[in-house]
Amino acid sequence: MTATSPLEWRSCGLTTVGTVRKHNEDSYLALPEHALWLVADGMGGHMRGDVASQSVVEAYNDFEPKRTIAQTIDDLEERAIKVNQKLRADLSGNPSNIMGSTIAMMYARSQYAYFLWAGDSRIYQYRDKNLQQVSHDHSFIQESVDKNVMSAEEASNHPSSNIITRAIGVHNQLYIDIDYSEVKAGDKYLLCSDGLFKDVVLDEIAEQLDKIPFKASEGLIDMALSKGANDNVTVVVIEAYAPQ
């Protein structure tokens, strides 16, 4: 594939409340016509998580790419910052009344994919049967591993695995991590809430991503449910392909 080779995208998003929770605090958005996809996992309890994640999705409903990639990325980031300001303002003077949401987002343009995230919802790339995590969790557990306070094995079953250190609405200032990658035809990307990888291991995720986006999304949700799905589970599977 040359740098000028056209790429097109197909995708599918699915979500489930799981088998334990009463409410689904996850939300997702798929705008394949503008090559934008995102997953948001709300937090706060008493329906506030629902409001937070839906606020994130609503902020991007009218998204359209700007003239340049730099302007577009700035716009994507600015929308998240505005949601952060709104959620902070909605605390009604009670900072302990947390209402927040993670965000994991992918925007594609030409032969590149751009990734933006805050929190522990994840972005994976699946290429040539190799699954790699693109995002880096903003969580107490991940920071402990990064500082060599605990091993990855210890982290996998740690009781504090649900503590996140960065998300929309959690702090007055929001910092979004941004990365990008060159895309090849046949690449697949997975955006997911933590409800998926709490129960489904990487080899099982990779096995499902061998399928077309709808079948892959369906397979991932079914697999999470078969393993108990103690949390809400949301997946968005995106595939790049060269038109015939």
Protein backbone atom coordinates (compact mmCIF):
# COMPACT_ATOMS: atom_id res chain seq x y z
CA MET A 1 0.00 0.00 0.00
CA THR A 2 1.33 3.40 -0.96
CA ALA A 3 0.74 6.56 0.97
CA THR A 4 -1.93 7.61 -1.57
CA SER A 5 -3.86 4.32 -1.53
CA PRO A 6 -7.47 4.95 -0.54
CA LEU A 7 -8.86 3.27 2.54
CA GLU A 8 -12.45 2.82 3.57
CA TRP A 9 -13.87 1.84 6.92
CA ARG A 10 -16.55 -0.48 8.26
CA SER A 11 -17.46 -0.77 11.91
CA CYS A 12 -19.89 -2.07 14.48
CA GLY A 13 -20.58 -1.06 18.08
CA LEU A 14 -22.49 -3.03 20.71
CA THR A 15 -23.11 -2.60 24.43
CA THR A 16 -24.67 -4.63 27.23
CA VAL A 17 -25.55 -3.87 30.84
CA GLY A 18 -24.02 -7.23 31.79
CA THR A 19 -25.45 -9.69 34.28
CA VAL A 20 -25.03 -7.79 37.56
CA ARG A 21 -25.48 -4.03 37.11
CA LYS A 22 -28.94 -2.48 36.96
CA HIS A 23 -27.97 0.40 34.68
CA ASN A 24 -25.69 0.69 31.69
CA GLU A 25 -23.32 3.60 32.32
CA ASP A 26 -21.42 2.95 29.09
CA SER A 27 -22.12 4.86 25.87
CA TYR A 28 -20.56 4.72 22.43
CA LEU A 29 -20.64 6.64 19.18
CA ALA A 30 -19.98 5.43 15.64
CA LEU A 31 -19.77 8.03 12.85
CA PRO A 32 -18.20 6.01 10.03
CA GLU A 33 -19.19 8.70 7.52
CA HIS A 34 -16.74 11.00 9.34
CA ALA A 35 -14.36 8.22 10.45
CA LEU A 36 -14.91 8.90 14.15
CA TRP A 37 -15.64 6.34 16.87
CA LEU A 38 -15.61 6.54 20.66
CA VAL A 39 -16.44 4.64 23.84
CA ALA A 40 -17.29 6.36 27.13
CA ASP A 41 -17.60 4.59 30.50
CA GLY A 42 -19.45 6.66 33.08
CA MET A 43 -18.89 6.72 36.83
CA GLY A 44 -20.55 8.30 39.81
CA GLY A 45 -23.46 6.05 40.74
CA HIS A 46 -27.12 7.02 41.12
CA MET A 47 -27.42 7.43 37.34
CA ARG A 48 -24.72 10.13 37.26
CA GLY A 49 -22.45 7.82 35.28
CA ASP A 50 -25.13 7.48 32.61
CA VAL A 51 -25.38 11.27 32.35
CA ALA A 52 -21.60 11.67 32.15
CA SER A 53 -21.02 9.13 29.39
CA GLN A 54 -24.02 10.35 27.39
CA SER A 55 -22.72 13.92 27.73
CA VAL A 56 -19.45 12.79 26.16
CA VAL A 57 -21.23 11.13 23.22
CA GLU A 58 -23.55 14.12 22.69
CA ALA A 59 -20.54 16.41 22.45
CA TYR A 60 -19.46 14.61 19.28
CA ASN A 61 -22.81 13.94 17.60
CA ASP A 62 -22.40 16.90 15.24
CA PHE A 63 -18.69 16.33 14.57
CA GLU A 64 -17.36 17.07 11.09
CA PRO A 65 -13.67 17.07 10.13
CA LYS A 66 -11.93 20.42 9.87
CA ARG A 67 -9.79 21.51 6.95
CA THR A 68 -6.51 20.25 8.43
CA ILE A 69 -5.68 17.34 10.68
CA ALA A 70 -4.25 19.73 13.30
CA GLN A 71 -7.51 21.69 13.41
CA THR A 72 -9.51 18.48 13.64
CA ILE A 73 -7.50 17.05 16.54
CA ASP A 74 -7.75 20.40 18.33
CA ASP A 75 -11.52 20.28 17.87
CA LEU A 76 -11.76 16.72 19.19
CA GLU A 77 -9.73 17.66 22.25
CA GLU A 78 -11.62 20.90 22.84
CA ARG A 79 -14.97 19.09 22.84
CA ALA A 80 -13.74 16.81 25.64
CA ILE A 81 -12.48 19.80 27.63
CA LYS A 82 -15.89 21.50 27.33
CA VAL A 83 -17.64 18.37 28.62
CA ASN A 84 -15.17 18.30 31.50
CA GLN A 85 -16.06 21.91 32.36
CA LYS A 86 -19.78 21.13 32.15
CA LEU A 87 -19.57 18.09 34.42
CA ARG A 88 -17.48 20.01 36.95
CA ALA A 89 -20.03 22.83 36.93
CA ASP A 90 -22.84 20.32 37.53
CA LEU A 91 -21.40 19.20 40.87
CA SER A 92 -23.58 21.81 42.61
CA GLY A 93 -20.77 22.90 44.89
CA ASN A 94 -20.17 19.39 46.21
CA PRO A 95 -16.82 18.13 44.87
CA SER A 96 -17.41 14.67 46.39
CA ASN A 97 -20.45 14.26 44.14
CA ILE A 98 -18.29 12.85 41.35
CA MET A 99 -19.78 12.55 37.87
CA GLY A 100 -17.24 11.50 35.29
CA SER A 101 -16.51 9.37 32.26
CA THR A 102 -13.59 7.77 30.52
CA ILE A 103 -13.13 8.34 26.81
CA ALA A 104 -11.41 6.21 24.17
CA MET A 105 -11.63 7.69 20.69
CA MET A 106 -10.32 7.00 17.20
CA TYR A 107 -10.38 9.31 14.20
CA ALA A 108 -9.14 8.20 10.79
CA ARG A 109 -7.90 10.37 7.96
CA SER A 110 -6.07 9.34 4.82
CA GLN A 111 -3.73 6.48 5.82
CA TYR A 112 -3.51 7.42 9.50
CA ALA A 113 -5.52 6.69 12.61
CA TYR A 114 -5.45 9.12 15.53
CA PHE A 115 -6.21 8.04 19.09
CA LEU A 116 -7.34 10.16 22.04
CA TRP A 117 -8.11 8.84 25.50
CA ALA A 118 -8.45 9.53 29.20
CA GLY A 119 -9.16 6.80 31.76
CA ASP A 120 -9.02 3.04 31.45
CA SER A 121 -11.25 2.38 28.46
CA ARG A 122 -8.88 0.91 25.92
CA ILE A 123 -7.86 1.07 22.29
CA TYR A 124 -6.33 -1.99 20.61
CA GLN A 125 -4.85 -2.53 17.17
CA TYR A 126 -5.14 -5.95 15.51
CA ARG A 127 -2.72 -6.41 12.61
CA ASP A 128 -1.48 -9.63 11.01
CA LYS A 129 -2.99 -11.65 13.89
CA ASN A 130 -1.08 -9.55 16.43
CA LEU A 131 -3.08 -7.70 19.08
CA GLN A 132 -1.47 -4.66 20.70
CA GLN A 133 -2.82 -2.14 23.17
CA VAL A 134 -2.49 1.37 21.77
CA SER A 135 -3.75 3.30 24.79
CA HIS A 136 -2.13 3.36 28.22
CA ASP A 137 -4.47 3.10 31.19
CA HIS A 138 -4.85 6.08 33.48
CA SER A 139 -5.41 3.99 36.60
CA PHE A 140 -3.95 3.40 40.04
CA ILE A 141 -3.01 -0.12 39.02
CA GLN A 142 -1.23 0.90 35.80
CA GLU A 143 0.67 3.67 37.56
CA SER A 144 1.75 1.18 40.24
CA VAL A 145 3.04 -1.17 37.54
CA ASP A 146 4.81 1.72 35.77
CA LYS A 147 6.57 2.62 39.05
CA ASN A 148 7.47 -1.05 39.69
CA VAL A 149 5.38 -1.01 42.87
CA MET A 150 3.63 -4.16 41.70
CA SER A 151 3.99 -6.68 38.89
CA ALA A 152 1.56 -7.02 35.99
CA GLU A 153 0.49 -10.37 37.43
CA GLU A 154 -0.28 -8.80 40.82
CA ALA A 155 -2.15 -5.99 39.10
CA SER A 156 -4.44 -8.34 37.19
CA ASN A 157 -6.25 -9.42 40.36
CA HIS A 158 -5.76 -6.35 42.55
CA PRO A 159 -8.84 -5.12 44.49
CA SER A 160 -8.13 -1.50 43.49
CA SER A 161 -8.38 -2.21 39.78
CA ASN A 162 -11.41 0.09 39.47
CA ILE A 163 -9.59 3.25 40.63
CA ILE A 164 -8.84 5.54 37.68
CA THR A 165 -6.60 8.60 37.90
CA ARG A 166 -7.78 10.57 34.89
CA ALA A 167 -11.18 10.97 33.25
CA ILE A 168 -13.59 13.59 31.99
CA GLY A 169 -15.25 15.34 34.93
CA VAL A 170 -12.90 14.08 37.65
CA HIS A 171 -10.52 17.06 37.86
CA ASN A 172 -10.80 20.74 36.98
CA GLN A 173 -8.10 20.33 34.34
CA LEU A 174 -8.43 17.57 31.74
CA TYR A 175 -5.40 16.12 29.98
CA ILE A 176 -6.04 13.94 26.94
CA ASP A 177 -3.39 11.53 25.67
CA ILE A 178 -2.99 11.56 21.89
CA ASP A 179 -1.20 9.11 19.59
CA TYR A 180 -1.36 8.04 15.95
CA SER A 181 -0.46 5.15 13.70
CA GLU A 182 -0.16 4.49 9.98
CA VAL A 183 -2.93 2.18 8.84
CA LYS A 184 -2.76 -0.81 6.50
CA ALA A 185 -5.69 -2.39 4.71
CA GLY A 186 -6.95 -5.23 6.88
CA ASP A 187 -6.09 -3.54 10.18
CA LYS A 188 -8.77 -3.71 12.85
CA TYR A 189 -9.16 -1.49 15.89
CA LEU A 190 -11.09 -2.19 19.07
CA LEU A 191 -12.39 0.46 21.45
CA CYS A 192 -13.79 -1.03 24.65
CA SER A 193 -14.81 -0.29 28.22
CA ASP A 194 -13.04 -2.09 31.05
CA GLY A 195 -15.96 -4.48 31.42
CA LEU A 196 -14.56 -6.42 28.47
CA PHE A 197 -10.95 -6.99 29.50
CA LYS A 198 -11.86 -7.65 33.13
CA ASP A 199 -13.29 -10.98 31.99
CA VAL A 200 -11.98 -11.70 28.47
CA VAL A 201 -8.26 -12.36 27.97
CA LEU A 202 -6.21 -11.01 25.07
CA ASP A 203 -6.01 -14.29 23.16
CA GLU A 204 -9.80 -14.52 23.22
CA ILE A 205 -10.13 -10.93 22.02
CA ALA A 206 -7.71 -11.60 19.16
CA GLU A 207 -9.66 -14.70 18.13
CA GLN A 208 -12.85 -12.67 17.78
CA LEU A 209 -11.11 -9.88 15.85
CA ASP A 210 -10.37 -12.34 13.04
CA LYS A 211 -14.04 -11.87 12.10
CA ILE A 212 -15.83 -9.03 10.32
CA PRO A 213 -16.73 -6.12 12.66
CA PHE A 214 -20.34 -7.18 13.35
CA LYS A 215 -19.40 -10.79 14.10
CA ALA A 216 -16.40 -9.68 16.15
CA SER A 217 -18.47 -7.26 18.24
CA GLU A 218 -21.17 -9.86 18.76
CA GLY A 219 -18.59 -12.51 19.69
CA LEU A 220 -16.86 -10.23 22.22
CA ILE A 221 -20.13 -9.32 23.93
CA ASP A 222 -21.26 -12.97 24.01
CA MET A 223 -17.92 -14.04 25.45
CA ALA A 224 -18.06 -11.41 28.21
CA LEU A 225 -21.60 -12.48 29.10
CA SER A 226 -20.59 -16.13 29.19
CA LYS A 227 -17.89 -15.24 31.73
CA GLY A 228 -20.28 -13.42 34.07
CA ALA A 229 -20.07 -9.80 32.80
CA ASN A 230 -19.98 -8.24 36.26
CA ASP A 231 -19.72 -4.79 34.67
CA ASN A 232 -21.23 -3.03 31.67
CA VAL A 233 -19.46 -4.07 28.47
CA THR A 234 -19.11 -1.93 25.35
CA VAL A 235 -17.13 -2.66 22.19
CA VAL A 236 -16.61 -0.85 18.90
CA VAL A 237 -14.75 -2.79 16.19
CA ILE A 238 -13.39 -0.86 13.21
CA GLU A 239 -11.79 -2.31 10.08
CA ALA A 240 -9.79 -0.57 7.36
CA TYR A 241 -10.10 -1.99 3.84
CA ALA A 242 -9.08 -1.07 0.33
CA PRO A 243 -12.10 -0.68 -1.95
CA GLN A 244 -12.19 -2.89 -5.01
